[in-house]
Amino acid sequence: MPSAKVNNLIKMVNQIAANICFQSTEQEAVAKITNHLQLFWAKSMKQDIIEYYQQDGEGLSELASQAVARLAGQ
């Protein structure tokens, strides 16, 4: 079970994905979400969400999961 900190990150990235998906195609949305994470999330936040994605990632929406995968370089 993810920590409260990671649960908050999951919620945040899913909200970002939900807001962006209405404005873009799927590929554009993934790029915008990834860009947002790169620009506005602290390094520790990015590391935590990438680690969660690599270990489980079950709580991430499809777009959020794709964006975190891209952020991780996969």
Protein backbone atom coordinates (compact mmCIF):
# COMPACT_ATOMS: atom_id res chain seq x y z
CA MET A 1 0.00 0.00 0.00
CA PRO A 2 1.43 3.38 -0.97
CA SER A 3 2.24 5.91 1.70
CA ALA A 4 0.02 8.94 2.27
CA LYS A 5 2.60 11.04 0.43
CA VAL A 6 2.49 8.79 -2.65
CA ASN A 7 -1.32 8.60 -2.49
CA ASN A 8 -1.36 12.40 -2.69
CA LEU A 9 0.95 12.34 -5.73
CA ILE A 10 -1.28 9.75 -7.41
CA LYS A 11 -4.32 11.95 -6.80
CA MET A 12 -2.50 15.02 -8.12
CA VAL A 13 -1.24 13.43 -11.35
CA ASN A 14 -4.66 11.88 -12.02
CA GLN A 15 -6.27 15.32 -11.58
CA ILE A 16 -3.74 16.89 -13.95
CA ALA A 17 -4.49 14.16 -16.50
CA ALA A 18 -8.24 14.61 -16.12
CA ASN A 19 -7.98 18.36 -16.69
CA ILE A 20 -5.66 18.14 -19.67
CA CYS A 21 -7.41 15.28 -21.50
CA PHE A 22 -10.39 17.46 -22.42
CA GLN A 23 -8.16 19.94 -24.24
CA SER A 24 -6.07 17.54 -26.34
CA THR A 25 -5.71 14.30 -28.23
CA GLU A 26 -4.34 11.40 -26.19
CA GLN A 27 -0.75 11.85 -27.40
CA GLU A 28 -0.87 15.61 -26.87
CA ALA A 29 -2.30 15.09 -23.39
CA VAL A 30 0.47 12.67 -22.42
CA ALA A 31 3.09 15.15 -23.65
CA LYS A 32 1.43 18.02 -21.72
CA ILE A 33 1.14 15.99 -18.52
CA THR A 34 4.78 14.91 -18.77
CA ASN A 35 5.85 18.49 -19.41
CA HIS A 36 3.85 19.70 -16.40
CA LEU A 37 5.51 17.11 -14.16
CA GLN A 38 8.96 18.04 -15.47
CA LEU A 39 8.41 21.77 -14.95
CA PHE A 40 6.47 21.95 -11.71
CA TRP A 41 7.14 18.86 -9.64
CA ALA A 42 10.14 18.66 -7.31
CA LYS A 43 12.74 16.03 -8.10
CA SER A 44 11.68 14.00 -5.05
CA MET A 45 8.04 14.03 -6.19
CA LYS A 46 9.03 12.80 -9.65
CA GLN A 47 11.20 10.06 -8.16
CA ASP A 48 8.40 8.92 -5.84
CA ILE A 49 5.76 8.72 -8.60
CA ILE A 50 8.17 6.96 -10.96
CA GLU A 51 9.03 4.44 -8.25
CA TYR A 52 5.33 3.86 -7.60
CA TYR A 53 4.69 3.42 -11.33
CA GLN A 54 7.53 0.91 -11.66
CA GLN A 55 6.46 -1.09 -8.60
CA ASP A 56 2.70 -1.10 -9.08
CA GLY A 57 1.14 1.93 -10.76
CA GLU A 58 -2.34 0.51 -10.32
CA GLY A 59 -3.85 3.75 -9.02
CA LEU A 60 -2.79 5.83 -12.00
CA SER A 61 -5.22 6.65 -14.76
CA GLU A 62 -4.25 5.52 -18.25
CA LEU A 63 -3.03 8.98 -19.30
CA ALA A 64 -1.21 9.54 -16.01
CA SER A 65 0.45 6.15 -16.34
CA GLN A 66 1.64 6.94 -19.86
CA ALA A 67 2.98 10.30 -18.75
CA VAL A 68 4.86 8.85 -15.78
CA ALA A 69 6.29 6.13 -18.07
CA ARG A 70 7.50 8.85 -20.42
CA LEU A 71 8.91 10.80 -17.45
CA ALA A 72 10.77 7.65 -16.40
CA GLY A 73 12.22 7.36 -19.89
CA GLN A 74 10.37 4.19 -20.81
